[in-house]
Amino acid sequence: MKGIGSLILIGLIAWGVYSFFSEDETSDRFESESYSEQYQAMGQECIEPENPYDIGSGHYAGWNWGEQGNYCSGNSNSFIEGCEEYEEALSDYEICLNR
């Protein structure tokens, strides 16, 4: 029985490592590139930013808060990150328009 338990444990660890390193490439792209760089990579330019987050998430609420012209602050990291991401996306969009 010890051998089977060890094999199961090794299998679970291997699956976890694989899952960790094989995340969705689009989410990696979103986190590593600015908003305008994403659109340029897709062959599109100067598209007004839209909220990319799931409704009900802190990031989504923060994005909406920033979109309404509010200052990015609060007690939630995800809310602040969403708000700051909106500000960055808007800045990139305005830079794109002024090229």
C-alpha atoms as a PDB file:
ATOM      1  CA  MET A   1       0.000   0.000   0.000  1.00  0.00           C
ATOM      2  CA  LYS A   2       2.841   2.430   0.698  1.00  0.00           C
ATOM      3  CA  GLY A   3       3.986   2.188  -2.913  1.00  0.00           C
ATOM      4  CA  ILE A   4       0.536   3.080  -4.298  1.00  0.00           C
ATOM      5  CA  GLY A   5       0.165   6.032  -1.932  1.00  0.00           C
ATOM      6  CA  SER A   6       3.570   7.331  -2.968  1.00  0.00           C
ATOM      7  CA  LEU A   7       2.664   6.998  -6.651  1.00  0.00           C
ATOM      8  CA  ILE A   8      -0.584   8.897  -6.105  1.00  0.00           C
ATOM      9  CA  LEU A   9       1.240  11.634  -4.209  1.00  0.00           C
ATOM     10  CA  ILE A  10       3.883  11.937  -6.926  1.00  0.00           C
ATOM     11  CA  GLY A  11       1.142  12.064  -9.561  1.00  0.00           C
ATOM     12  CA  LEU A  12      -0.690  14.842  -7.725  1.00  0.00           C
ATOM     13  CA  ILE A  13       2.494  16.851  -7.320  1.00  0.00           C
ATOM     14  CA  ALA A  14       3.352  16.416 -11.016  1.00  0.00           C
ATOM     15  CA  TRP A  15      -0.173  17.486 -12.004  1.00  0.00           C
ATOM     16  CA  GLY A  16       0.085  20.561  -9.770  1.00  0.00           C
ATOM     17  CA  VAL A  17       3.436  21.583 -11.237  1.00  0.00           C
ATOM     18  CA  TYR A  18       2.104  21.065 -14.776  1.00  0.00           C
ATOM     19  CA  SER A  19      -1.043  23.103 -14.021  1.00  0.00           C
ATOM     20  CA  PHE A  20       0.982  25.925 -12.515  1.00  0.00           C
ATOM     21  CA  PHE A  21       3.264  26.285 -15.535  1.00  0.00           C
ATOM     22  CA  SER A  22       0.632  25.754 -18.241  1.00  0.00           C
ATOM     23  CA  GLU A  23      -1.687  28.705 -17.532  1.00  0.00           C
ATOM     24  CA  ASP A  24      -3.745  30.280 -20.279  1.00  0.00           C
ATOM     25  CA  GLU A  25      -1.437  32.296 -22.542  1.00  0.00           C
ATOM     26  CA  THR A  26      -3.963  35.125 -22.981  1.00  0.00           C
ATOM     27  CA  SER A  27      -3.998  35.876 -19.264  1.00  0.00           C
ATOM     28  CA  ASP A  28      -0.188  35.949 -19.294  1.00  0.00           C
ATOM     29  CA  ARG A  29      -0.265  38.331 -22.244  1.00  0.00           C
ATOM     30  CA  PHE A  30      -2.715  40.614 -20.443  1.00  0.00           C
ATOM     31  CA  GLU A  31      -0.532  40.810 -17.373  1.00  0.00           C
ATOM     32  CA  SER A  32       2.763  41.311 -19.210  1.00  0.00           C
ATOM     33  CA  GLU A  33       1.823  43.827 -21.914  1.00  0.00           C
ATOM     34  CA  SER A  34       0.193  47.207 -21.860  1.00  0.00           C
ATOM     35  CA  TYR A  35      -3.299  47.567 -23.256  1.00  0.00           C
ATOM     36  CA  SER A  36      -2.165  49.177 -26.522  1.00  0.00           C
ATOM     37  CA  GLU A  37       0.542  46.534 -27.016  1.00  0.00           C
ATOM     38  CA  GLN A  38      -2.127  43.855 -26.776  1.00  0.00           C
ATOM     39  CA  TYR A  39      -4.191  45.461 -29.518  1.00  0.00           C
ATOM     40  CA  GLN A  40      -1.159  45.995 -31.735  1.00  0.00           C
ATOM     41  CA  ALA A  41      -0.262  42.321 -31.266  1.00  0.00           C
ATOM     42  CA  MET A  42      -3.777  41.433 -32.449  1.00  0.00           C
ATOM     43  CA  GLY A  43      -3.428  43.709 -35.476  1.00  0.00           C
ATOM     44  CA  GLN A  44      -5.839  46.298 -34.068  1.00  0.00           C
ATOM     45  CA  GLU A  45      -5.019  49.815 -33.009  1.00  0.00           C
ATOM     46  CA  CYS A  46      -6.647  52.535 -30.923  1.00  0.00           C
ATOM     47  CA  ILE A  47      -9.644  50.646 -29.606  1.00  0.00           C
ATOM     48  CA  GLU A  48     -11.320  52.241 -26.616  1.00  0.00           C
ATOM     49  CA  PRO A  49     -10.618  50.183 -23.492  1.00  0.00           C
ATOM     50  CA  GLU A  50     -13.327  47.855 -22.189  1.00  0.00           C
ATOM     51  CA  ASN A  51     -13.498  46.166 -18.817  1.00  0.00           C
ATOM     52  CA  PRO A  52     -11.822  42.746 -19.308  1.00  0.00           C
ATOM     53  CA  TYR A  53     -12.667  41.381 -15.862  1.00  0.00           C
ATOM     54  CA  ASP A  54     -15.469  39.099 -14.688  1.00  0.00           C
ATOM     55  CA  ILE A  55     -18.552  40.831 -13.323  1.00  0.00           C
ATOM     56  CA  GLY A  56     -18.596  40.727  -9.544  1.00  0.00           C
ATOM     57  CA  SER A  57     -14.824  40.623  -9.107  1.00  0.00           C
ATOM     58  CA  GLY A  58     -12.841  43.268  -7.268  1.00  0.00           C
ATOM     59  CA  HIS A  59     -10.883  44.008 -10.436  1.00  0.00           C
ATOM     60  CA  TYR A  60     -14.143  44.599 -12.345  1.00  0.00           C
ATOM     61  CA  ALA A  61     -15.449  46.977  -9.682  1.00  0.00           C
ATOM     62  CA  GLY A  62     -12.141  48.840  -9.564  1.00  0.00           C
ATOM     63  CA  TRP A  63     -12.094  49.201 -13.359  1.00  0.00           C
ATOM     64  CA  ASN A  64     -15.606  50.687 -13.277  1.00  0.00           C
ATOM     65  CA  TRP A  65     -14.637  52.995 -10.418  1.00  0.00           C
ATOM     66  CA  GLY A  66     -11.675  54.334 -12.394  1.00  0.00           C
ATOM     67  CA  GLU A  67     -13.786  54.630 -15.531  1.00  0.00           C
ATOM     68  CA  GLN A  68     -16.130  56.960 -13.642  1.00  0.00           C
ATOM     69  CA  GLY A  69     -13.181  59.282 -12.984  1.00  0.00           C
ATOM     70  CA  ASN A  70     -12.656  58.362  -9.348  1.00  0.00           C
ATOM     71  CA  TYR A  71      -9.341  58.218  -7.506  1.00  0.00           C
ATOM     72  CA  CYS A  72      -7.897  54.684  -7.139  1.00  0.00           C
ATOM     73  CA  SER A  73      -7.839  53.896  -3.441  1.00  0.00           C
ATOM     74  CA  GLY A  74      -9.449  51.489  -1.028  1.00  0.00           C
ATOM     75  CA  ASN A  75      -8.847  48.445   1.148  1.00  0.00           C
ATOM     76  CA  SER A  76      -8.928  45.819  -1.606  1.00  0.00           C
ATOM     77  CA  ASN A  77      -5.818  45.092  -3.656  1.00  0.00           C
ATOM     78  CA  SER A  78      -7.862  43.683  -6.534  1.00  0.00           C
ATOM     79  CA  PHE A  79     -10.099  46.786  -6.566  1.00  0.00           C
ATOM     80  CA  ILE A  80      -7.081  49.107  -6.660  1.00  0.00           C
ATOM     81  CA  GLU A  81      -5.369  46.984  -9.329  1.00  0.00           C
ATOM     82  CA  GLY A  82      -8.500  47.074 -11.518  1.00  0.00           C
ATOM     83  CA  CYS A  83      -8.756  50.845 -11.135  1.00  0.00           C
ATOM     84  CA  GLU A  84      -5.073  51.353 -11.923  1.00  0.00           C
ATOM     85  CA  GLU A  85      -5.347  49.017 -14.909  1.00  0.00           C
ATOM     86  CA  TYR A  86      -8.166  51.200 -16.268  1.00  0.00           C
ATOM     87  CA  GLU A  87      -6.010  54.316 -15.863  1.00  0.00           C
ATOM     88  CA  GLU A  88      -3.133  52.618 -17.700  1.00  0.00           C
ATOM     89  CA  ALA A  89      -5.442  51.383 -20.463  1.00  0.00           C
ATOM     90  CA  LEU A  90      -6.921  54.855 -20.889  1.00  0.00           C
ATOM     91  CA  SER A  91      -3.457  56.411 -21.025  1.00  0.00           C
ATOM     92  CA  ASP A  92      -2.310  53.873 -23.637  1.00  0.00           C
ATOM     93  CA  TYR A  93      -5.476  54.509 -25.653  1.00  0.00           C
ATOM     94  CA  GLU A  94      -4.932  58.278 -25.593  1.00  0.00           C
ATOM     95  CA  ILE A  95      -1.288  57.824 -26.623  1.00  0.00           C
ATOM     96  CA  CYS A  96      -2.420  55.613 -29.480  1.00  0.00           C
ATOM     97  CA  LEU A  97      -4.931  58.251 -30.635  1.00  0.00           C
ATOM     98  CA  ASN A  98      -2.278  60.978 -30.582  1.00  0.00           C
ATOM     99  CA  ARG A  99       0.303  59.102 -32.658  1.00  0.00           C
END
